[in-house]
Amino acid sequence: MPRQSPDLAAVREELRKYAHPLLDFGVRETPAGRVELVIDLKNKPANIHTYYLEVHPRDLEHVQFRWTLQRMIFEGLHDYFVEMFEYTPQSIDNPAGPYELER
């Protein structure tokens, strides 16, 4: 197994404290050497994407890293699920018709 960076190891160790019945959490290092949080559905349909969220070096160095990471996970979950909407009232391709602004 290739040697992992201390930042990658720190996030991986913290993620071991999280378990969810529907989601998998992971971490990876980008080709540029950045650390990314990976959020994915365990049994996802083919048309659902994986969510990647960069963990900034300033967050990794923060004294309250574990709480910063938890906030990032919770905010990332919000964004991930919002991105799964196939359409909203504002969508042009909404079968119910796009929302029209009242004048």
PDB file of N, CA and C in Angstrom:
ATOM      1  N   MET A   1       0.856  -1.179   0.000  1.00  0.00           N
ATOM      2  CA  MET A   1       0.000   0.000   0.000  1.00  0.00           C
ATOM      3  C   MET A   1       0.898   1.237   0.000  1.00  0.00           C
ATOM      4  N   PRO A   2       0.629   2.207  -0.899  1.00  0.00           N
ATOM      5  CA  PRO A   2       1.452   3.407  -0.940  1.00  0.00           C
ATOM      6  C   PRO A   2       1.315   4.218   0.349  1.00  0.00           C
ATOM      7  N   ARG A   3       2.378   4.919   0.668  1.00  0.00           N
ATOM      8  CA  ARG A   3       2.381   5.747   1.871  1.00  0.00           C
ATOM      9  C   ARG A   3       1.397   6.904   1.694  1.00  0.00           C
ATOM     10  N   GLN A   4       0.578   7.150   2.689  1.00  0.00           N
ATOM     11  CA  GLN A   4      -0.401   8.232   2.599  1.00  0.00           C
ATOM     12  C   GLN A   4       0.111   9.467   3.334  1.00  0.00           C
ATOM     13  N   SER A   5      -0.347  10.621   2.884  1.00  0.00           N
ATOM     14  CA  SER A   5       0.068  11.873   3.505  1.00  0.00           C
ATOM     15  C   SER A   5      -0.520  11.973   4.910  1.00  0.00           C
ATOM     16  N   PRO A   6       0.112  12.749   5.776  1.00  0.00           N
ATOM     17  CA  PRO A   6      -0.438  12.943   7.136  1.00  0.00           C
ATOM     18  C   PRO A   6      -1.837  13.556   7.098  1.00  0.00           C
ATOM     19  N   ASP A   7      -2.102  14.460   6.140  1.00  0.00           N
ATOM     20  CA  ASP A   7      -3.429  15.077   6.039  1.00  0.00           C
ATOM     21  C   ASP A   7      -4.482  14.038   5.659  1.00  0.00           C
ATOM     22  N   LEU A   8      -4.150  13.207   4.688  1.00  0.00           N
ATOM     23  CA  LEU A   8      -5.071  12.154   4.267  1.00  0.00           C
ATOM     24  C   LEU A   8      -5.336  11.192   5.430  1.00  0.00           C
ATOM     25  N   ALA A   9      -4.293  10.839   6.150  1.00  0.00           N
ATOM     26  CA  ALA A   9      -4.436   9.935   7.291  1.00  0.00           C
ATOM     27  C   ALA A   9      -5.298  10.559   8.388  1.00  0.00           C
ATOM     28  N   ALA A  10      -5.138  11.864   8.623  1.00  0.00           N
ATOM     29  CA  ALA A  10      -5.919  12.539   9.669  1.00  0.00           C
ATOM     30  C   ALA A  10      -7.408  12.533   9.336  1.00  0.00           C
ATOM     31  N   VAL A  11      -7.748  12.813   8.080  1.00  0.00           N
ATOM     32  CA  VAL A  11      -9.161  12.816   7.679  1.00  0.00           C
ATOM     33  C   VAL A  11      -9.702  11.392   7.712  1.00  0.00           C
ATOM     34  N   ARG A  12      -8.932  10.433   7.213  1.00  0.00           N
ATOM     35  CA  ARG A  12      -9.373   9.033   7.219  1.00  0.00           C
ATOM     36  C   ARG A  12      -9.646   8.557   8.650  1.00  0.00           C
ATOM     37  N   GLU A  13      -8.771   8.912   9.567  1.00  0.00           N
ATOM     38  CA  GLU A  13      -8.944   8.513  10.971  1.00  0.00           C
ATOM     39  C   GLU A  13     -10.212   9.142  11.565  1.00  0.00           C
ATOM     40  N   GLU A  14     -10.455  10.396  11.264  1.00  0.00           N
ATOM     41  CA  GLU A  14     -11.651  11.071  11.790  1.00  0.00           C
ATOM     42  C   GLU A  14     -12.924  10.480  11.182  1.00  0.00           C
ATOM     43  N   LEU A  15     -12.879  10.113   9.901  1.00  0.00           N
ATOM     44  CA  LEU A  15     -14.058   9.547   9.232  1.00  0.00           C
ATOM     45  C   LEU A  15     -14.440   8.181   9.794  1.00  0.00           C
ATOM     46  N   ARG A  16     -13.514   7.498  10.442  1.00  0.00           N
ATOM     47  CA  ARG A  16     -13.827   6.200  11.055  1.00  0.00           C
ATOM     48  C   ARG A  16     -14.879   6.354  12.149  1.00  0.00           C
ATOM     49  N   LYS A  17     -15.090   7.569  12.634  1.00  0.00           N
ATOM     50  CA  LYS A  17     -16.052   7.833  13.707  1.00  0.00           C
ATOM     51  C   LYS A  17     -17.471   8.034  13.178  1.00  0.00           C
ATOM     52  N   TYR A  18     -17.634   8.005  11.861  1.00  0.00           N
ATOM     53  CA  TYR A  18     -18.940   8.250  11.246  1.00  0.00           C
ATOM     54  C   TYR A  18     -19.454   6.980  10.574  1.00  0.00           C
ATOM     55  N   ALA A  19     -20.729   6.687  10.787  1.00  0.00           N
ATOM     56  CA  ALA A  19     -21.395   5.577  10.108  1.00  0.00           C
ATOM     57  C   ALA A  19     -22.802   6.038   9.762  1.00  0.00           C
ATOM     58  N   HIS A  20     -23.262   5.692   8.582  1.00  0.00           N
ATOM     59  CA  HIS A  20     -24.579   6.099   8.121  1.00  0.00           C
ATOM     60  C   HIS A  20     -25.186   4.936   7.335  1.00  0.00           C
ATOM     61  N   PRO A  21     -26.491   4.659   7.498  1.00  0.00           N
ATOM     62  CA  PRO A  21     -27.078   3.511   6.801  1.00  0.00           C
ATOM     63  C   PRO A  21     -27.202   3.698   5.284  1.00  0.00           C
ATOM     64  N   LEU A  22     -27.216   4.939   4.818  1.00  0.00           N
ATOM     65  CA  LEU A  22     -27.410   5.190   3.387  1.00  0.00           C
ATOM     66  C   LEU A  22     -26.174   5.712   2.666  1.00  0.00           C
ATOM     67  N   LEU A  23     -25.210   6.220   3.427  1.00  0.00           N
ATOM     68  CA  LEU A  23     -24.077   6.914   2.822  1.00  0.00           C
ATOM     69  C   LEU A  23     -22.744   6.292   3.182  1.00  0.00           C
ATOM     70  N   ASP A  24     -21.813   6.387   2.236  1.00  0.00           N
ATOM     71  CA  ASP A  24     -20.416   6.032   2.482  1.00  0.00           C
ATOM     72  C   ASP A  24     -19.608   7.318   2.486  1.00  0.00           C
ATOM     73  N   PHE A  25     -18.659   7.396   3.396  1.00  0.00           N
ATOM     74  CA  PHE A  25     -17.756   8.535   3.474  1.00  0.00           C
ATOM     75  C   PHE A  25     -16.347   8.037   3.216  1.00  0.00           C
ATOM     76  N   GLY A  26     -15.620   8.796   2.431  1.00  0.00           N
ATOM     77  CA  GLY A  26     -14.245   8.439   2.140  1.00  0.00           C
ATOM     78  C   GLY A  26     -13.407   9.691   1.988  1.00  0.00           C
ATOM     79  N   VAL A  27     -12.150   9.472   1.706  1.00  0.00           N
ATOM     80  CA  VAL A  27     -11.220  10.575   1.505  1.00  0.00           C
ATOM     81  C   VAL A  27     -10.243  10.141   0.417  1.00  0.00           C
ATOM     82  N   ARG A  28      -9.803  11.088  -0.385  1.00  0.00           N
ATOM     83  CA  ARG A  28      -8.831  10.785  -1.416  1.00  0.00           C
ATOM     84  C   ARG A  28      -7.902  11.978  -1.592  1.00  0.00           C
ATOM     85  N   GLU A  29      -6.789  11.711  -2.196  1.00  0.00           N
ATOM     86  CA  GLU A  29      -5.843  12.777  -2.512  1.00  0.00           C
ATOM     87  C   GLU A  29      -5.920  13.019  -4.009  1.00  0.00           C
ATOM     88  N   THR A  30      -6.037  14.274  -4.399  1.00  0.00           N
ATOM     89  CA  THR A  30      -6.110  14.623  -5.811  1.00  0.00           C
ATOM     90  C   THR A  30      -4.708  14.574  -6.418  1.00  0.00           C
ATOM     91  N   PRO A  31      -4.615  14.564  -7.749  1.00  0.00           N
ATOM     92  CA  PRO A  31      -3.300  14.604  -8.382  1.00  0.00           C
ATOM     93  C   PRO A  31      -2.486  15.839  -7.970  1.00  0.00           C
ATOM     94  N   ALA A  32      -3.173  16.909  -7.584  1.00  0.00           N
ATOM     95  CA  ALA A  32      -2.498  18.138  -7.157  1.00  0.00           C
ATOM     96  C   ALA A  32      -2.068  18.072  -5.685  1.00  0.00           C
ATOM     97  N   GLY A  33      -2.356  16.946  -5.016  1.00  0.00           N
ATOM     98  CA  GLY A  33      -1.954  16.790  -3.632  1.00  0.00           C
ATOM     99  C   GLY A  33      -2.938  17.337  -2.614  1.00  0.00           C
ATOM    100  N   ARG A  34      -4.117  17.738  -3.062  1.00  0.00           N
ATOM    101  CA  ARG A  34      -5.161  18.213  -2.151  1.00  0.00           C
ATOM    102  C   ARG A  34      -5.934  17.035  -1.590  1.00  0.00           C
ATOM    103  N   VAL A  35      -6.559  17.244  -0.445  1.00  0.00           N
ATOM    104  CA  VAL A  35      -7.370  16.207   0.201  1.00  0.00           C
ATOM    105  C   VAL A  35      -8.836  16.511  -0.087  1.00  0.00           C
ATOM    106  N   GLU A  36      -9.580  15.481  -0.510  1.00  0.00           N
ATOM    107  CA  GLU A  36     -11.012  15.638  -0.779  1.00  0.00           C
ATOM    108  C   GLU A  36     -11.819  14.651   0.053  1.00  0.00           C
ATOM    109  N   LEU A  37     -12.898  15.150   0.609  1.00  0.00           N
ATOM    110  CA  LEU A  37     -13.897  14.338   1.280  1.00  0.00           C
ATOM    111  C   LEU A  37     -14.790  13.765   0.186  1.00  0.00           C
ATOM    112  N   VAL A  38     -15.125  12.494   0.276  1.00  0.00           N
ATOM    113  CA  VAL A  38     -15.949  11.825  -0.732  1.00  0.00           C
ATOM    114  C   VAL A  38     -17.215  11.336  -0.046  1.00  0.00           C
ATOM    115  N   ILE A  39     -18.373  11.758  -0.574  1.00  0.00           N
ATOM    116  CA  ILE A  39     -19.669  11.326  -0.043  1.00  0.00           C
ATOM    117  C   ILE A  39     -20.410  10.623  -1.171  1.00  0.00           C
ATOM    118  N   ASP A  40     -20.900   9.418  -0.893  1.00  0.00           N
ATOM    119  CA  ASP A  40     -21.567   8.634  -1.923  1.00  0.00           C
ATOM    120  C   ASP A  40     -22.704   7.834  -1.304  1.00  0.00           C
ATOM    121  N   LEU A  41     -23.752   7.617  -2.072  1.00  0.00           N
ATOM    122  CA  LEU A  41     -24.828   6.730  -1.636  1.00  0.00           C
ATOM    123  C   LEU A  41     -24.346   5.292  -1.708  1.00  0.00           C
ATOM    124  N   LYS A  42     -24.724   4.467  -0.747  1.00  0.00           N
ATOM    125  CA  LYS A  42     -24.294   3.067  -0.746  1.00  0.00           C
ATOM    126  C   LYS A  42     -24.887   2.287  -1.909  1.00  0.00           C
ATOM    127  N   ASN A  43     -26.150   2.462  -2.166  1.00  0.00           N
ATOM    128  CA  ASN A  43     -26.839   1.749  -3.255  1.00  0.00           C
ATOM    129  C   ASN A  43     -27.451   2.768  -4.194  1.00  0.00           C
ATOM    130  N   LYS A  44     -26.604   3.480  -4.901  1.00  0.00           N
ATOM    131  CA  LYS A  44     -27.114   4.588  -5.699  1.00  0.00           C
ATOM    132  C   LYS A  44     -27.519   4.174  -7.110  1.00  0.00           C
ATOM    133  N   PRO A  45     -28.526   4.835  -7.639  1.00  0.00           N
ATOM    134  CA  PRO A  45     -28.895   4.633  -9.037  1.00  0.00           C
ATOM    135  C   PRO A  45     -27.768   5.148  -9.947  1.00  0.00           C
ATOM    136  N   ALA A  46     -27.747   4.674 -11.159  1.00  0.00           N
ATOM    137  CA  ALA A  46     -26.671   5.026 -12.097  1.00  0.00           C
ATOM    138  C   ALA A  46     -26.593   6.525 -12.379  1.00  0.00           C
ATOM    139  N   ASN A  47     -27.693   7.242 -12.273  1.00  0.00           N
ATOM    140  CA  ASN A  47     -27.689   8.660 -12.643  1.00  0.00           C
ATOM    141  C   ASN A  47     -27.347   9.599 -11.483  1.00  0.00           C
ATOM    142  N   ILE A  48     -26.953   9.071 -10.353  1.00  0.00           N
ATOM    143  CA  ILE A  48     -26.611   9.905  -9.190  1.00  0.00           C
ATOM    144  C   ILE A  48     -25.092  10.001  -9.090  1.00  0.00           C
ATOM    145  N   HIS A  49     -24.603  11.200  -8.911  1.00  0.00           N
ATOM    146  CA  HIS A  49     -23.167  11.444  -8.856  1.00  0.00           C
ATOM    147  C   HIS A  49     -22.595  11.225  -7.448  1.00  0.00           C
ATOM    148  N   THR A  50     -21.299  11.205  -7.381  1.00  0.00           N
ATOM    149  CA  THR A  50     -20.561  11.178  -6.124  1.00  0.00           C
ATOM    150  C   THR A  50     -20.208  12.623  -5.790  1.00  0.00           C
ATOM    151  N   TYR A  51     -20.235  12.964  -4.510  1.00  0.00           N
ATOM    152  CA  TYR A  51     -19.966  14.338  -4.088  1.00  0.00           C
ATOM    153  C   TYR A  51     -18.550  14.432  -3.531  1.00  0.00           C
ATOM    154  N   TYR A  52     -17.796  15.396  -4.041  1.00  0.00           N
ATOM    155  CA  TYR A  52     -16.421  15.636  -3.605  1.00  0.00           C
ATOM    156  C   TYR A  52     -16.331  17.029  -3.006  1.00  0.00           C
ATOM    157  N   LEU A  53     -15.651  17.115  -1.895  1.00  0.00           N
ATOM    158  CA  LEU A  53     -15.529  18.383  -1.188  1.00  0.00           C
ATOM    159  C   LEU A  53     -14.087  18.539  -0.718  1.00  0.00           C
ATOM    160  N   GLU A  54     -13.426  19.586  -1.184  1.00  0.00           N
ATOM    161  CA  GLU A  54     -12.032  19.802  -0.816  1.00  0.00           C
ATOM    162  C   GLU A  54     -11.907  20.189   0.651  1.00  0.00           C
ATOM    163  N   VAL A  55     -10.966  19.552   1.325  1.00  0.00           N
ATOM    164  CA  VAL A  55     -10.647  19.898   2.705  1.00  0.00           C
ATOM    165  C   VAL A  55      -9.419  20.808   2.627  1.00  0.00           C
ATOM    166  N   HIS A  56      -9.611  22.069   2.939  1.00  0.00           N
ATOM    167  CA  HIS A  56      -8.541  23.052   2.808  1.00  0.00           C
ATOM    168  C   HIS A  56      -7.467  22.855   3.877  1.00  0.00           C
ATOM    169  N   PRO A  57      -6.224  23.147   3.533  1.00  0.00           N
ATOM    170  CA  PRO A  57      -5.133  23.019   4.507  1.00  0.00           C
ATOM    171  C   PRO A  57      -5.400  23.789   5.807  1.00  0.00           C
ATOM    172  N   ARG A  58      -6.033  24.960   5.706  1.00  0.00           N
ATOM    173  CA  ARG A  58      -6.318  25.734   6.925  1.00  0.00           C
ATOM    174  C   ARG A  58      -7.284  24.987   7.844  1.00  0.00           C
ATOM    175  N   ASP A  59      -8.191  24.198   7.255  1.00  0.00           N
ATOM    176  CA  ASP A  59      -9.114  23.398   8.066  1.00  0.00           C
ATOM    177  C   ASP A  59      -8.384  22.230   8.719  1.00  0.00           C
ATOM    178  N   LEU A  60      -7.463  21.624   7.993  1.00  0.00           N
ATOM    179  CA  LEU A  60      -6.690  20.506   8.534  1.00  0.00           C
ATOM    180  C   LEU A  60      -5.801  20.945   9.691  1.00  0.00           C
ATOM    181  N   GLU A  61      -5.336  22.181   9.638  1.00  0.00           N
ATOM    182  CA  GLU A  61      -4.443  22.705  10.665  1.00  0.00           C
ATOM    183  C   GLU A  61      -5.190  23.312  11.852  1.00  0.00           C
ATOM    184  N   HIS A  62      -6.493  23.494  11.714  1.00  0.00           N
ATOM    185  CA  HIS A  62      -7.279  24.154  12.753  1.00  0.00           C
ATOM    186  C   HIS A  62      -7.295  23.331  14.037  1.00  0.00           C
ATOM    187  N   VAL A  63      -7.227  24.016  15.157  1.00  0.00           N
ATOM    188  CA  VAL A  63      -7.251  23.356  16.477  1.00  0.00           C
ATOM    189  C   VAL A  63      -8.523  22.523  16.646  1.00  0.00           C
ATOM    190  N   GLN A  64      -9.621  22.999  16.102  1.00  0.00           N
ATOM    191  CA  GLN A  64     -10.914  22.319  16.214  1.00  0.00           C
ATOM    192  C   GLN A  64     -11.217  21.510  14.945  1.00  0.00           C
ATOM    193  N   PHE A  65     -10.193  20.865  14.381  1.00  0.00           N
ATOM    194  CA  PHE A  65     -10.345  20.141  13.119  1.00  0.00           C
ATOM    195  C   PHE A  65     -11.529  19.183  13.116  1.00  0.00           C
ATOM    196  N   ARG A  66     -11.688  18.402  14.183  1.00  0.00           N
ATOM    197  CA  ARG A  66     -12.767  17.405  14.173  1.00  0.00           C
ATOM    198  C   ARG A  66     -14.138  18.061  14.048  1.00  0.00           C
ATOM    199  N   TRP A  67     -14.327  19.246  14.642  1.00  0.00           N
ATOM    200  CA  TRP A  67     -15.616  19.948  14.546  1.00  0.00           C
ATOM    201  C   TRP A  67     -15.740  20.636  13.200  1.00  0.00           C
ATOM    202  N   THR A  68     -14.635  21.106  12.673  1.00  0.00           N
ATOM    203  CA  THR A  68     -14.643  21.713  11.338  1.00  0.00           C
ATOM    204  C   THR A  68     -15.025  20.663  10.297  1.00  0.00           C
ATOM    205  N   LEU A  69     -14.451  19.471  10.428  1.00  0.00           N
ATOM    206  CA  LEU A  69     -14.776  18.391   9.500  1.00  0.00           C
ATOM    207  C   LEU A  69     -16.243  17.993   9.627  1.00  0.00           C
ATOM    208  N   GLN A  70     -16.762  17.926  10.849  1.00  0.00           N
ATOM    209  CA  GLN A  70     -18.174  17.585  11.027  1.00  0.00           C
ATOM    210  C   GLN A  70     -19.067  18.624  10.348  1.00  0.00           C
ATOM    211  N   ARG A  71     -18.742  19.899  10.518  1.00  0.00           N
ATOM    212  CA  ARG A  71     -19.516  20.946   9.852  1.00  0.00           C
ATOM    213  C   ARG A  71     -19.448  20.774   8.337  1.00  0.00           C
ATOM    214  N   MET A  72     -18.254  20.465   7.818  1.00  0.00           N
ATOM    215  CA  MET A  72     -18.098  20.256   6.377  1.00  0.00           C
ATOM    216  C   MET A  72     -18.942  19.078   5.898  1.00  0.00           C
ATOM    217  N   ILE A  73     -18.958  17.995   6.668  1.00  0.00           N
ATOM    218  CA  ILE A  73     -19.760  16.830   6.299  1.00  0.00           C
ATOM    219  C   ILE A  73     -21.237  17.197   6.250  1.00  0.00           C
ATOM    220  N   PHE A  74     -21.738  17.856   7.300  1.00  0.00           N
ATOM    221  CA  PHE A  74     -23.164  18.198   7.351  1.00  0.00           C
ATOM    222  C   PHE A  74     -23.542  19.175   6.239  1.00  0.00           C
ATOM    223  N   GLU A  75     -22.709  20.170   5.989  1.00  0.00           N
ATOM    224  CA  GLU A  75     -22.990  21.119   4.910  1.00  0.00           C
ATOM    225  C   GLU A  75     -22.871  20.433   3.545  1.00  0.00           C
ATOM    226  N   GLY A  76     -21.905  19.523   3.422  1.00  0.00           N
ATOM    227  CA  GLY A  76     -21.755  18.775   2.177  1.00  0.00           C
ATOM    228  C   GLY A  76     -22.951  17.891   1.904  1.00  0.00           C
ATOM    229  N   LEU A  77     -23.499  17.271   2.952  1.00  0.00           N
ATOM    230  CA  LEU A  77     -24.703  16.450   2.789  1.00  0.00           C
ATOM    231  C   LEU A  77     -25.861  17.288   2.274  1.00  0.00           C
ATOM    232  N   HIS A  78     -26.013  18.464   2.825  1.00  0.00           N
ATOM    233  CA  HIS A  78     -27.073  19.363   2.362  1.00  0.00           C
ATOM    234  C   HIS A  78     -26.893  19.646   0.877  1.00  0.00           C
ATOM    235  N   ASP A  79     -25.710  20.049   0.487  1.00  0.00           N
ATOM    236  CA  ASP A  79     -25.453  20.374  -0.919  1.00  0.00           C
ATOM    237  C   ASP A  79     -25.650  19.160  -1.820  1.00  0.00           C
ATOM    238  N   TYR A  80     -25.161  18.005  -1.392  1.00  0.00           N
ATOM    239  CA  TYR A  80     -25.273  16.778  -2.176  1.00  0.00           C
ATOM    240  C   TYR A  80     -26.736  16.436  -2.445  1.00  0.00           C
ATOM    241  N   PHE A  81     -27.556  16.476  -1.409  1.00  0.00           N
ATOM    242  CA  PHE A  81     -28.964  16.128  -1.593  1.00  0.00           C
ATOM    243  C   PHE A  81     -29.716  17.180  -2.399  1.00  0.00           C
ATOM    244  N   VAL A  82     -29.377  18.434  -2.242  1.00  0.00           N
ATOM    245  CA  VAL A  82     -30.016  19.474  -3.049  1.00  0.00           C
ATOM    246  C   VAL A  82     -29.658  19.278  -4.527  1.00  0.00           C
ATOM    247  N   GLU A  83     -28.408  18.915  -4.796  1.00  0.00           N
ATOM    248  CA  GLU A  83     -27.984  18.691  -6.179  1.00  0.00           C
ATOM    249  C   GLU A  83     -28.695  17.504  -6.827  1.00  0.00           C
ATOM    250  N   MET A  84     -29.314  16.627  -6.038  1.00  0.00           N
ATOM    251  CA  MET A  84     -30.005  15.462  -6.586  1.00  0.00           C
ATOM    252  C   MET A  84     -31.382  15.793  -7.149  1.00  0.00           C
ATOM    253  N   PHE A  85     -31.901  16.973  -6.886  1.00  0.00           N
ATOM    254  CA  PHE A  85     -33.209  17.323  -7.452  1.00  0.00           C
ATOM    255  C   PHE A  85     -33.154  17.186  -8.966  1.00  0.00           C
ATOM    256  N   GLU A  86     -34.135  16.508  -9.516  1.00  0.00           N
ATOM    257  CA  GLU A  86     -34.216  16.394 -10.968  1.00  0.00           C
ATOM    258  C   GLU A  86     -34.749  17.686 -11.570  1.00  0.00           C
ATOM    259  N   TYR A  87     -35.615  18.323 -10.833  1.00  0.00           N
ATOM    260  CA  TYR A  87     -36.095  19.656 -11.204  1.00  0.00           C
ATOM    261  C   TYR A  87     -36.728  20.299  -9.990  1.00  0.00           C
ATOM    262  N   THR A  88     -36.869  21.599 -10.053  1.00  0.00           N
ATOM    263  CA  THR A  88     -37.506  22.393  -8.998  1.00  0.00           C
ATOM    264  C   THR A  88     -38.558  23.269  -9.666  1.00  0.00           C
ATOM    265  N   PRO A  89     -39.333  24.012  -8.890  1.00  0.00           N
ATOM    266  CA  PRO A  89     -40.331  24.886  -9.521  1.00  0.00           C
ATOM    267  C   PRO A  89     -39.706  25.884 -10.501  1.00  0.00           C
ATOM    268  N   GLN A  90     -38.426  26.202 -10.326  1.00  0.00           N
ATOM    269  CA  GLN A  90     -37.775  27.162 -11.214  1.00  0.00           C
ATOM    270  C   GLN A  90     -37.205  26.515 -12.486  1.00  0.00           C
ATOM    271  N   SER A  91     -37.205  25.204 -12.570  1.00  0.00           N
ATOM    272  CA  SER A  91     -36.613  24.508 -13.713  1.00  0.00           C
ATOM    273  C   SER A  91     -37.431  24.715 -14.971  1.00  0.00           C
ATOM    274  N   ILE A  92     -36.747  25.024 -16.038  1.00  0.00           N
ATOM    275  CA  ILE A  92     -37.418  25.223 -17.331  1.00  0.00           C
ATOM    276  C   ILE A  92     -38.040  23.920 -17.817  1.00  0.00           C
ATOM    277  N   ASP A  93     -37.378  22.781 -17.532  1.00  0.00           N
ATOM    278  CA  ASP A  93     -37.864  21.483 -18.004  1.00  0.00           C
ATOM    279  C   ASP A  93     -38.811  20.796 -17.018  1.00  0.00           C
ATOM    280  N   ASN A  94     -39.307  21.529 -16.017  1.00  0.00           N
ATOM    281  CA  ASN A  94     -40.235  20.967 -15.038  1.00  0.00           C
ATOM    282  C   ASN A  94     -41.530  20.591 -15.751  1.00  0.00           C
ATOM    283  N   PRO A  95     -41.965  19.310 -15.646  1.00  0.00           N
ATOM    284  CA  PRO A  95     -43.197  18.895 -16.326  1.00  0.00           C
ATOM    285  C   PRO A  95     -44.429  19.665 -15.863  1.00  0.00           C
ATOM    286  N   ALA A  96     -44.409  20.197 -14.663  1.00  0.00           N
ATOM    287  CA  ALA A  96     -45.543  20.971 -14.162  1.00  0.00           C
ATOM    288  C   ALA A  96     -45.469  22.408 -14.665  1.00  0.00           C
ATOM    289  N   GLY A  97     -44.418  22.734 -15.377  1.00  0.00           N
ATOM    290  CA  GLY A  97     -44.228  24.097 -15.871  1.00  0.00           C
ATOM    291  C   GLY A  97     -43.332  24.888 -14.949  1.00  0.00           C
ATOM    292  N   PRO A  98     -42.476  25.725 -15.525  1.00  0.00           N
ATOM    293  CA  PRO A  98     -41.573  26.516 -14.696  1.00  0.00           C
ATOM    294  C   PRO A  98     -42.337  27.546 -13.869  1.00  0.00           C
ATOM    295  N   TYR A  99     -41.783  27.857 -12.740  1.00  0.00           N
ATOM    296  CA  TYR A  99     -42.339  28.881 -11.861  1.00  0.00           C
ATOM    297  C   TYR A  99     -42.225  30.227 -12.560  1.00  0.00           C
ATOM    298  N   GLU A 100     -43.294  30.961 -12.557  1.00  0.00           N
ATOM    299  CA  GLU A 100     -43.253  32.296 -13.169  1.00  0.00           C
ATOM    300  C   GLU A 100     -43.293  33.330 -12.072  1.00  0.00           C
ATOM    301  N   LEU A 101     -42.411  34.299 -12.173  1.00  0.00           N
ATOM    302  CA  LEU A 101     -42.363  35.356 -11.188  1.00  0.00           C
ATOM    303  C   LEU A 101     -43.619  36.206 -11.263  1.00  0.00           C
ATOM    304  N   GLU A 102     -44.140  36.528 -10.101  1.00  0.00           N
ATOM    305  CA  GLU A 102     -45.294  37.416 -10.065  1.00  0.00           C
ATOM    306  C   GLU A 102     -44.821  38.836 -10.283  1.00  0.00           C
ATOM    307  N   ARG A 103     -45.560  39.579 -11.042  1.00  0.00           N
ATOM    308  CA  ARG A 103     -45.171  40.975 -11.314  1.00  0.00           C
ATOM    309  C   ARG A 103     -46.012  41.918 -10.543  1.00  0.00           C
TER     310      ARG A 103
END
